[in-house]
């Protein structure tokens, strides 16, 4: 995570449900952490998926009531039939850098248990100040991180990713 103006230890530990000692342990290059805007610290946060079983017609309404401490990062619907499952996780408008800096993306990816990951990046990077070298470096980091979490999973990219960056 990147520290923003106004962030405090209290706010961070409450938001991510992690202690200051755990954060310092996860960031060994800092002997003591003084929070400064723009500083990058790494957090391995605990996530939990909650199963929801429903019976009823496909146009049923699902209502979720959450307490103050809950954070909803998305909904994922499955069925019991075999076949291909397509999952699109992420946020429209985000660049690869954003995903590399947020562990929530990789936590969500792990919970899907994929056999194939298709990285679909390039459109937003073509609008940002992204050089082809930076794009390739980020892509290699993304594939490497995916491979470390899911060693048997195949990673590939859409062809447009490279073309959009090259045209700049």
N, C-alpha and C. Protein backbone atom coordinates (compact mmCIF):
# COMPACT_ATOMS: atom_id res chain seq x y z
N UNK A 1 0.84 -1.17 0.00
CA UNK A 1 0.00 0.00 0.00
C UNK A 1 0.89 1.23 0.00
N UNK A 2 0.37 2.30 -0.54
CA UNK A 2 1.11 3.56 -0.56
C UNK A 2 0.48 4.49 0.47
N UNK A 3 1.33 5.02 1.33
CA UNK A 3 0.87 5.91 2.40
C UNK A 3 0.38 7.22 1.78
N UNK A 4 -0.80 7.66 2.21
CA UNK A 4 -1.36 8.92 1.73
C UNK A 4 -1.35 9.93 2.87
N UNK A 5 -1.44 11.19 2.52
CA UNK A 5 -1.50 12.24 3.53
C UNK A 5 -2.70 11.98 4.43
N UNK A 6 -2.50 12.03 5.72
CA UNK A 6 -3.58 11.78 6.68
C UNK A 6 -3.62 10.36 7.20
N UNK A 7 -2.85 9.44 6.57
CA UNK A 7 -2.80 8.06 7.08
C UNK A 7 -2.08 8.04 8.42
N UNK A 8 -2.57 7.22 9.31
CA UNK A 8 -1.92 7.05 10.61
C UNK A 8 -1.87 5.57 10.92
N UNK A 9 -1.04 5.21 11.91
CA UNK A 9 -0.97 3.81 12.31
C UNK A 9 -2.35 3.30 12.72
N UNK A 10 -3.08 4.13 13.44
CA UNK A 10 -4.40 3.73 13.91
C UNK A 10 -5.32 3.41 12.73
N UNK A 11 -5.36 4.30 11.74
CA UNK A 11 -6.24 4.09 10.58
C UNK A 11 -5.84 2.84 9.80
N UNK A 12 -4.55 2.64 9.59
CA UNK A 12 -4.07 1.50 8.81
C UNK A 12 -4.36 0.18 9.53
N UNK A 13 -4.06 0.13 10.83
CA UNK A 13 -4.28 -1.12 11.56
C UNK A 13 -5.78 -1.46 11.65
N UNK A 14 -6.63 -0.44 11.75
CA UNK A 14 -8.08 -0.67 11.78
C UNK A 14 -8.57 -1.14 10.41
N UNK A 15 -8.13 -0.45 9.35
CA UNK A 15 -8.60 -0.75 8.00
C UNK A 15 -8.23 -2.16 7.57
N UNK A 16 -6.99 -2.58 7.85
CA UNK A 16 -6.50 -3.87 7.38
C UNK A 16 -6.51 -4.96 8.45
N UNK A 17 -6.98 -4.61 9.65
CA UNK A 17 -7.06 -5.57 10.76
C UNK A 17 -5.72 -6.29 10.95
N UNK A 18 -4.68 -5.51 11.14
CA UNK A 18 -3.33 -6.01 11.30
C UNK A 18 -2.63 -5.11 12.32
N UNK A 19 -1.70 -5.66 13.08
CA UNK A 19 -1.02 -4.85 14.09
C UNK A 19 0.19 -4.14 13.48
N UNK A 20 0.63 -3.11 14.17
CA UNK A 20 1.82 -2.37 13.73
C UNK A 20 3.02 -3.31 13.72
N UNK A 21 3.12 -4.17 14.72
CA UNK A 21 4.25 -5.12 14.80
C UNK A 21 4.26 -6.06 13.59
N UNK A 22 3.06 -6.52 13.15
CA UNK A 22 2.98 -7.39 11.97
C UNK A 22 3.43 -6.66 10.71
N UNK A 23 3.05 -5.39 10.60
CA UNK A 23 3.46 -4.60 9.43
C UNK A 23 4.97 -4.44 9.40
N UNK A 24 5.57 -4.11 10.55
CA UNK A 24 7.02 -3.94 10.62
C UNK A 24 7.72 -5.26 10.31
N UNK A 25 7.17 -6.37 10.79
CA UNK A 25 7.75 -7.69 10.51
C UNK A 25 7.70 -8.00 9.01
N UNK A 26 6.64 -7.58 8.32
CA UNK A 26 6.50 -7.82 6.89
C UNK A 26 7.34 -6.87 6.05
N UNK A 27 7.88 -5.84 6.65
CA UNK A 27 8.69 -4.85 5.96
C UNK A 27 10.05 -4.73 6.64
N UNK A 28 10.88 -5.79 6.55
CA UNK A 28 12.14 -5.83 7.31
C UNK A 28 13.16 -4.76 6.91
N UNK A 29 13.02 -4.17 5.73
CA UNK A 29 14.01 -3.16 5.34
C UNK A 29 13.88 -1.88 6.17
N UNK A 30 12.75 -1.72 6.85
CA UNK A 30 12.56 -0.58 7.73
C UNK A 30 12.77 -1.03 9.16
N UNK A 31 13.68 -0.39 9.88
CA UNK A 31 13.88 -0.74 11.30
C UNK A 31 12.71 -0.21 12.12
N UNK A 32 12.35 1.01 11.87
CA UNK A 32 11.13 1.58 12.45
C UNK A 32 10.42 2.26 11.30
N UNK A 33 9.15 2.23 11.33
CA UNK A 33 8.38 2.83 10.24
C UNK A 33 7.80 4.17 10.67
N UNK A 34 8.31 5.23 10.10
CA UNK A 34 7.70 6.54 10.26
C UNK A 34 6.90 6.76 8.99
N UNK A 35 5.63 6.97 9.13
CA UNK A 35 4.76 7.10 7.96
C UNK A 35 4.96 8.44 7.27
N UNK A 36 5.25 8.37 5.97
CA UNK A 36 5.41 9.57 5.16
C UNK A 36 4.59 9.38 3.89
N UNK A 37 3.87 10.42 3.43
CA UNK A 37 3.11 10.29 2.19
C UNK A 37 4.01 9.83 1.05
N UNK A 38 3.50 8.88 0.26
CA UNK A 38 4.27 8.34 -0.86
C UNK A 38 5.07 7.11 -0.51
N UNK A 39 5.25 6.84 0.77
CA UNK A 39 6.01 5.66 1.21
C UNK A 39 5.22 4.40 0.88
N UNK A 40 5.90 3.36 0.43
CA UNK A 40 5.25 2.10 0.07
C UNK A 40 5.58 1.05 1.12
N UNK A 41 4.53 0.48 1.72
CA UNK A 41 4.73 -0.63 2.64
C UNK A 41 3.92 -1.82 2.12
N UNK A 42 4.39 -3.00 2.42
CA UNK A 42 3.74 -4.21 1.94
C UNK A 42 2.96 -4.85 3.07
N UNK A 43 1.75 -5.27 2.77
CA UNK A 43 0.88 -5.89 3.76
C UNK A 43 0.37 -7.22 3.23
N UNK A 44 0.48 -8.24 4.05
CA UNK A 44 -0.18 -9.50 3.73
C UNK A 44 -1.37 -9.56 4.66
N UNK A 45 -2.53 -9.31 4.09
CA UNK A 45 -3.73 -9.23 4.91
C UNK A 45 -4.53 -10.52 4.80
N UNK A 46 -5.33 -10.76 5.82
CA UNK A 46 -6.17 -11.96 5.84
C UNK A 46 -7.48 -11.67 5.12
N UNK A 47 -7.86 -12.57 4.24
CA UNK A 47 -9.14 -12.42 3.56
C UNK A 47 -9.97 -13.67 3.81
N UNK A 48 -11.24 -13.54 3.61
CA UNK A 48 -12.13 -14.68 3.85
C UNK A 48 -13.26 -14.64 2.84
N UNK A 49 -13.55 -15.78 2.25
CA UNK A 49 -14.70 -15.89 1.37
C UNK A 49 -15.85 -16.50 2.16
N UNK A 50 -17.02 -16.03 1.89
CA UNK A 50 -18.19 -16.55 2.57
C UNK A 50 -19.09 -17.18 1.52
N UNK A 51 -19.43 -18.45 1.70
CA UNK A 51 -20.32 -19.13 0.77
C UNK A 51 -21.76 -18.73 1.02
N UNK A 52 -22.52 -18.64 -0.03
CA UNK A 52 -23.92 -18.26 0.07
C UNK A 52 -24.71 -19.21 -0.80
N UNK A 53 -25.57 -20.01 -0.20
CA UNK A 53 -26.37 -20.97 -0.98
C UNK A 53 -27.80 -20.46 -1.05
N UNK A 54 -28.32 -20.42 -2.25
CA UNK A 54 -29.71 -19.98 -2.42
C UNK A 54 -30.44 -20.94 -3.34
N UNK A 55 -31.69 -21.04 -3.13
CA UNK A 55 -32.57 -21.82 -4.00
C UNK A 55 -33.64 -20.85 -4.49
N UNK A 56 -33.95 -20.90 -5.76
CA UNK A 56 -35.00 -20.04 -6.25
C UNK A 56 -34.80 -19.67 -7.70
N UNK A 57 -35.71 -18.89 -8.24
CA UNK A 57 -35.62 -18.50 -9.66
C UNK A 57 -34.42 -17.61 -9.91
N UNK A 58 -33.98 -17.58 -11.17
CA UNK A 58 -32.78 -16.83 -11.53
C UNK A 58 -32.93 -15.32 -11.36
N UNK A 59 -34.16 -14.83 -11.28
CA UNK A 59 -34.34 -13.40 -11.09
C UNK A 59 -34.53 -13.03 -9.62
N UNK A 60 -34.12 -13.92 -8.73
CA UNK A 60 -34.22 -13.67 -7.29
C UNK A 60 -33.34 -12.49 -6.90
N UNK A 61 -33.75 -11.81 -5.87
CA UNK A 61 -32.99 -10.69 -5.33
C UNK A 61 -32.18 -11.18 -4.14
N UNK A 62 -30.89 -10.86 -4.13
CA UNK A 62 -30.03 -11.23 -3.01
C UNK A 62 -29.69 -9.96 -2.25
N UNK A 63 -29.96 -9.95 -0.96
CA UNK A 63 -29.64 -8.79 -0.12
C UNK A 63 -28.55 -9.19 0.86
N UNK A 64 -27.57 -8.34 1.00
CA UNK A 64 -26.49 -8.58 1.96
C UNK A 64 -26.55 -7.51 3.03
N UNK A 65 -26.50 -7.94 4.27
CA UNK A 65 -26.44 -6.99 5.37
C UNK A 65 -25.07 -7.17 6.01
N UNK A 66 -24.29 -6.10 6.03
CA UNK A 66 -22.92 -6.20 6.52
C UNK A 66 -22.74 -5.36 7.77
N UNK A 67 -21.82 -5.83 8.62
CA UNK A 67 -21.51 -5.04 9.80
C UNK A 67 -20.46 -3.99 9.44
N UNK A 68 -20.11 -3.14 10.38
CA UNK A 68 -19.17 -2.05 10.13
C UNK A 68 -17.78 -2.53 9.73
N UNK A 69 -17.36 -3.69 10.22
CA UNK A 69 -16.00 -4.17 9.97
C UNK A 69 -15.84 -4.91 8.65
N UNK A 70 -16.93 -5.18 7.96
CA UNK A 70 -16.86 -5.96 6.72
C UNK A 70 -16.53 -5.07 5.53
N UNK A 71 -15.80 -5.64 4.59
CA UNK A 71 -15.49 -4.96 3.34
C UNK A 71 -15.88 -5.90 2.21
N UNK A 72 -16.72 -5.46 1.32
CA UNK A 72 -17.14 -6.29 0.19
C UNK A 72 -16.29 -5.93 -1.02
N UNK A 73 -15.48 -6.89 -1.48
CA UNK A 73 -14.63 -6.65 -2.64
C UNK A 73 -15.23 -7.17 -3.93
N UNK A 74 -16.33 -7.87 -3.86
CA UNK A 74 -16.97 -8.38 -5.06
C UNK A 74 -17.82 -9.59 -4.77
N UNK A 75 -18.58 -10.00 -5.75
CA UNK A 75 -19.41 -11.19 -5.64
C UNK A 75 -19.00 -12.16 -6.74
N UNK A 76 -19.07 -13.42 -6.44
CA UNK A 76 -18.69 -14.45 -7.40
C UNK A 76 -19.76 -15.53 -7.37
N UNK A 77 -20.42 -15.74 -8.48
CA UNK A 77 -21.50 -16.72 -8.55
C UNK A 77 -21.01 -17.97 -9.28
N UNK A 78 -21.32 -19.14 -8.76
CA UNK A 78 -20.91 -20.39 -9.39
C UNK A 78 -22.12 -21.32 -9.49
N UNK A 79 -21.92 -22.39 -10.23
CA UNK A 79 -22.93 -23.44 -10.27
C UNK A 79 -22.22 -24.78 -10.13
N UNK A 80 -22.97 -25.85 -10.09
CA UNK A 80 -22.37 -27.17 -9.88
C UNK A 80 -22.09 -27.90 -11.19
N UNK A 81 -22.35 -27.27 -12.32
CA UNK A 81 -22.15 -27.92 -13.60
C UNK A 81 -20.68 -27.84 -14.03
N UNK A 82 -20.14 -28.93 -14.61
CA UNK A 82 -18.74 -28.89 -15.06
C UNK A 82 -18.60 -28.00 -16.29
N UNK A 83 -17.39 -27.53 -16.53
CA UNK A 83 -17.14 -26.73 -17.72
C UNK A 83 -16.18 -25.59 -17.43
N UNK A 84 -16.12 -24.69 -18.35
CA UNK A 84 -15.21 -23.54 -18.24
C UNK A 84 -15.89 -22.47 -17.40
N UNK A 85 -15.11 -21.88 -16.53
CA UNK A 85 -15.58 -20.78 -15.70
C UNK A 85 -14.79 -19.54 -16.08
N UNK A 86 -15.46 -18.46 -16.40
CA UNK A 86 -14.79 -17.22 -16.75
C UNK A 86 -14.96 -16.26 -15.59
N UNK A 87 -13.86 -15.76 -15.08
CA UNK A 87 -13.89 -14.81 -13.98
C UNK A 87 -13.16 -13.56 -14.44
N UNK A 88 -13.76 -12.44 -14.21
CA UNK A 88 -13.13 -11.17 -14.54
C UNK A 88 -12.97 -10.42 -13.23
N UNK A 89 -11.75 -10.39 -12.72
CA UNK A 89 -11.54 -9.66 -11.47
C UNK A 89 -10.71 -8.42 -11.78
N UNK A 90 -10.98 -7.38 -11.09
CA UNK A 90 -10.24 -6.15 -11.32
C UNK A 90 -11.18 -4.97 -11.38
N UNK A 91 -10.60 -3.83 -11.71
CA UNK A 91 -11.35 -2.58 -11.73
C UNK A 91 -11.12 -1.91 -13.08
N UNK A 92 -12.19 -1.46 -13.72
CA UNK A 92 -12.03 -0.73 -14.97
C UNK A 92 -11.21 0.53 -14.72
N UNK A 93 -10.28 0.80 -15.61
CA UNK A 93 -9.46 1.99 -15.50
C UNK A 93 -8.15 1.79 -14.76
N UNK A 94 -7.96 0.63 -14.16
CA UNK A 94 -6.72 0.38 -13.40
C UNK A 94 -5.60 -0.06 -14.34
N UNK A 95 -4.39 0.27 -13.98
CA UNK A 95 -3.22 -0.18 -14.74
C UNK A 95 -2.58 -1.35 -14.00
N UNK A 96 -1.66 -2.00 -14.68
CA UNK A 96 -0.98 -3.15 -14.09
C UNK A 96 -0.26 -2.77 -12.79
N UNK A 97 0.31 -1.57 -12.75
CA UNK A 97 1.01 -1.08 -11.54
C UNK A 97 0.07 -1.13 -10.33
N UNK A 98 -1.18 -0.74 -10.54
CA UNK A 98 -2.15 -0.73 -9.43
C UNK A 98 -2.32 -2.14 -8.87
N UNK A 99 -2.44 -3.13 -9.75
CA UNK A 99 -2.62 -4.51 -9.29
C UNK A 99 -1.37 -5.03 -8.60
N UNK A 100 -0.21 -4.69 -9.12
CA UNK A 100 1.04 -5.15 -8.52
C UNK A 100 1.20 -4.62 -7.09
N UNK A 101 0.62 -3.47 -6.82
CA UNK A 101 0.77 -2.84 -5.50
C UNK A 101 -0.36 -3.16 -4.53
N UNK A 102 -1.31 -3.99 -4.94
CA UNK A 102 -2.44 -4.32 -4.06
C UNK A 102 -2.57 -5.82 -3.89
N UNK A 103 -2.27 -6.33 -2.69
CA UNK A 103 -2.33 -7.78 -2.46
C UNK A 103 -3.74 -8.35 -2.58
N UNK A 104 -4.77 -7.50 -2.47
CA UNK A 104 -6.14 -8.00 -2.56
C UNK A 104 -6.39 -8.69 -3.90
N UNK A 105 -5.78 -8.17 -4.97
CA UNK A 105 -5.95 -8.76 -6.30
C UNK A 105 -5.43 -10.19 -6.32
N UNK A 106 -4.25 -10.40 -5.76
CA UNK A 106 -3.64 -11.73 -5.77
C UNK A 106 -4.36 -12.68 -4.81
N UNK A 107 -4.88 -12.14 -3.71
CA UNK A 107 -5.69 -12.97 -2.79
C UNK A 107 -6.95 -13.46 -3.50
N UNK A 108 -7.60 -12.56 -4.22
CA UNK A 108 -8.82 -12.94 -4.95
C UNK A 108 -8.50 -13.95 -6.04
N UNK A 109 -7.38 -13.76 -6.71
CA UNK A 109 -6.96 -14.67 -7.77
C UNK A 109 -6.73 -16.08 -7.22
N UNK A 110 -6.09 -16.16 -6.07
CA UNK A 110 -5.83 -17.46 -5.45
C UNK A 110 -7.11 -18.19 -5.11
N UNK A 111 -8.10 -17.47 -4.65
CA UNK A 111 -9.36 -18.09 -4.24
C UNK A 111 -10.13 -18.68 -5.41
N UNK A 112 -9.82 -18.25 -6.64
CA UNK A 112 -10.51 -18.77 -7.82
C UNK A 112 -9.95 -20.12 -8.27
N UNK A 113 -8.77 -20.49 -7.82
CA UNK A 113 -8.10 -21.73 -8.21
C UNK A 113 -8.04 -21.90 -9.73
N UNK A 114 -7.43 -20.94 -10.43
CA UNK A 114 -7.44 -21.01 -11.90
C UNK A 114 -6.46 -22.03 -12.47
N UNK A 115 -6.78 -22.55 -13.65
CA UNK A 115 -5.87 -23.38 -14.43
C UNK A 115 -5.25 -22.55 -15.55
N UNK A 116 -5.89 -21.44 -15.89
CA UNK A 116 -5.43 -20.55 -16.95
C UNK A 116 -5.70 -19.12 -16.51
N UNK A 117 -4.69 -18.27 -16.68
CA UNK A 117 -4.86 -16.84 -16.40
C UNK A 117 -4.54 -16.10 -17.68
N UNK A 118 -5.49 -15.31 -18.16
CA UNK A 118 -5.25 -14.46 -19.33
C UNK A 118 -5.16 -13.03 -18.81
N UNK A 119 -3.98 -12.45 -18.95
CA UNK A 119 -3.77 -11.07 -18.50
C UNK A 119 -4.20 -10.15 -19.64
N UNK A 120 -5.11 -9.27 -19.35
CA UNK A 120 -5.67 -8.39 -20.37
C UNK A 120 -5.33 -6.95 -20.01
N UNK A 121 -4.13 -6.57 -20.29
CA UNK A 121 -3.66 -5.22 -19.96
C UNK A 121 -3.21 -4.53 -21.24
N UNK A 122 -3.07 -3.23 -21.18
CA UNK A 122 -2.54 -2.48 -22.30
C UNK A 122 -3.36 -1.26 -22.63
N UNK A 123 -4.67 -1.36 -22.52
CA UNK A 123 -5.53 -0.24 -22.88
C UNK A 123 -5.28 0.96 -21.96
N UNK A 124 -5.36 0.76 -20.67
CA UNK A 124 -5.15 1.86 -19.73
C UNK A 124 -3.69 2.31 -19.71
N UNK A 125 -2.79 1.37 -19.92
CA UNK A 125 -1.36 1.72 -19.95
C UNK A 125 -1.04 2.60 -21.15
N UNK A 126 -1.79 2.46 -22.23
CA UNK A 126 -1.51 3.27 -23.43
C UNK A 126 -1.88 4.73 -23.20
N UNK A 127 -2.75 5.01 -22.24
CA UNK A 127 -3.12 6.39 -21.94
C UNK A 127 -2.21 7.00 -20.88
N UNK A 128 -1.63 6.18 -20.06
CA UNK A 128 -0.73 6.68 -19.01
C UNK A 128 0.65 6.93 -19.62
N UNK A 129 1.54 7.47 -18.83
CA UNK A 129 2.92 7.69 -19.28
C UNK A 129 3.70 6.41 -19.06
N UNK A 130 3.44 5.45 -19.91
CA UNK A 130 4.02 4.11 -19.80
C UNK A 130 4.95 3.90 -20.98
N UNK A 131 6.17 3.52 -20.73
CA UNK A 131 7.08 3.18 -21.83
C UNK A 131 6.97 1.69 -22.09
N UNK A 132 7.33 1.23 -23.29
CA UNK A 132 7.29 -0.21 -23.57
C UNK A 132 8.15 -1.02 -22.59
N UNK A 133 9.27 -0.44 -22.16
CA UNK A 133 10.16 -1.14 -21.22
C UNK A 133 9.50 -1.32 -19.86
N UNK A 134 8.86 -0.27 -19.38
CA UNK A 134 8.18 -0.34 -18.08
C UNK A 134 7.01 -1.33 -18.17
N UNK A 135 6.28 -1.28 -19.28
CA UNK A 135 5.16 -2.20 -19.48
C UNK A 135 5.64 -3.65 -19.44
N UNK A 136 6.71 -3.95 -20.17
CA UNK A 136 7.23 -5.33 -20.20
C UNK A 136 7.72 -5.76 -18.82
N UNK A 137 8.39 -4.86 -18.11
CA UNK A 137 8.87 -5.17 -16.77
C UNK A 137 7.68 -5.49 -15.84
N UNK A 138 6.64 -4.67 -15.90
CA UNK A 138 5.45 -4.91 -15.08
C UNK A 138 4.77 -6.23 -15.46
N UNK A 139 4.72 -6.51 -16.75
CA UNK A 139 4.10 -7.75 -17.22
C UNK A 139 4.87 -8.97 -16.72
N UNK A 140 6.19 -8.88 -16.76
CA UNK A 140 7.03 -9.98 -16.26
C UNK A 140 6.81 -10.16 -14.76
N UNK A 141 6.74 -9.05 -14.02
CA UNK A 141 6.47 -9.11 -12.57
C UNK A 141 5.11 -9.75 -12.29
N UNK A 142 4.11 -9.36 -13.07
CA UNK A 142 2.76 -9.89 -12.88
C UNK A 142 2.74 -11.39 -13.13
N UNK A 143 3.35 -11.83 -14.22
CA UNK A 143 3.37 -13.26 -14.54
C UNK A 143 4.16 -14.03 -13.49
N UNK A 144 5.26 -13.44 -13.02
CA UNK A 144 6.10 -14.08 -12.00
C UNK A 144 5.33 -14.23 -10.69
N UNK A 145 4.62 -13.19 -10.30
CA UNK A 145 3.84 -13.24 -9.06
C UNK A 145 2.73 -14.29 -9.18
N UNK A 146 2.05 -14.32 -10.32
CA UNK A 146 1.01 -15.33 -10.55
C UNK A 146 1.60 -16.73 -10.47
N UNK A 147 2.77 -16.91 -11.08
CA UNK A 147 3.42 -18.23 -11.12
C UNK A 147 3.84 -18.66 -9.71
N UNK A 148 4.29 -17.72 -8.89
CA UNK A 148 4.69 -18.08 -7.52
C UNK A 148 3.48 -18.51 -6.68
N UNK A 149 2.32 -17.92 -6.95
CA UNK A 149 1.11 -18.28 -6.21
C UNK A 149 0.45 -19.55 -6.76
N UNK A 150 0.50 -19.71 -8.06
CA UNK A 150 -0.14 -20.85 -8.74
C UNK A 150 0.86 -21.45 -9.74
N UNK A 151 1.83 -22.25 -9.27
CA UNK A 151 2.89 -22.76 -10.14
C UNK A 151 2.41 -23.59 -11.33
N UNK A 152 1.29 -24.30 -11.19
CA UNK A 152 0.82 -25.16 -12.29
C UNK A 152 -0.14 -24.44 -13.23
N UNK A 153 -0.40 -23.19 -12.97
CA UNK A 153 -1.34 -22.41 -13.77
C UNK A 153 -0.63 -21.82 -14.99
N UNK A 154 -1.27 -21.86 -16.15
CA UNK A 154 -0.70 -21.30 -17.37
C UNK A 154 -1.08 -19.83 -17.46
N UNK A 155 -0.09 -18.97 -17.72
CA UNK A 155 -0.30 -17.52 -17.86
C UNK A 155 -0.11 -17.13 -19.31
N UNK A 156 -1.00 -16.33 -19.85
CA UNK A 156 -0.84 -15.81 -21.20
C UNK A 156 -1.40 -14.39 -21.24
N UNK A 157 -1.21 -13.70 -22.35
CA UNK A 157 -1.66 -12.32 -22.50
C UNK A 157 -2.48 -12.17 -23.77
N UNK A 158 -3.30 -11.13 -23.81
CA UNK A 158 -3.98 -10.81 -25.06
C UNK A 158 -2.97 -10.11 -25.96
N UNK A 159 -3.10 -10.26 -27.26
CA UNK A 159 -2.14 -9.68 -28.20
C UNK A 159 -2.16 -8.16 -28.21
N UNK A 160 -3.30 -7.56 -27.96
CA UNK A 160 -3.42 -6.10 -28.04
C UNK A 160 -2.53 -5.39 -27.02
N UNK A 161 -2.21 -6.04 -25.92
CA UNK A 161 -1.41 -5.39 -24.88
C UNK A 161 -0.14 -4.78 -25.43
N UNK A 162 0.59 -5.54 -26.20
CA UNK A 162 1.87 -5.08 -26.71
C UNK A 162 1.70 -4.03 -27.79
N UNK A 163 0.70 -4.20 -28.64
CA UNK A 163 0.48 -3.28 -29.76
C UNK A 163 0.14 -1.87 -29.28
N UNK A 164 -0.70 -1.77 -28.28
CA UNK A 164 -1.10 -0.45 -27.78
C UNK A 164 0.08 0.32 -27.22
N UNK A 165 0.97 -0.35 -26.56
CA UNK A 165 2.13 0.32 -25.96
C UNK A 165 3.14 0.69 -27.04
N UNK A 166 3.37 -0.19 -28.01
CA UNK A 166 4.35 0.06 -29.08
C UNK A 166 3.99 1.29 -29.91
N UNK A 167 2.69 1.56 -30.09
CA UNK A 167 2.25 2.66 -30.96
C UNK A 167 2.53 4.03 -30.37
N UNK A 168 2.86 4.11 -29.11
CA UNK A 168 3.06 5.41 -28.45
C UNK A 168 4.20 6.17 -29.01
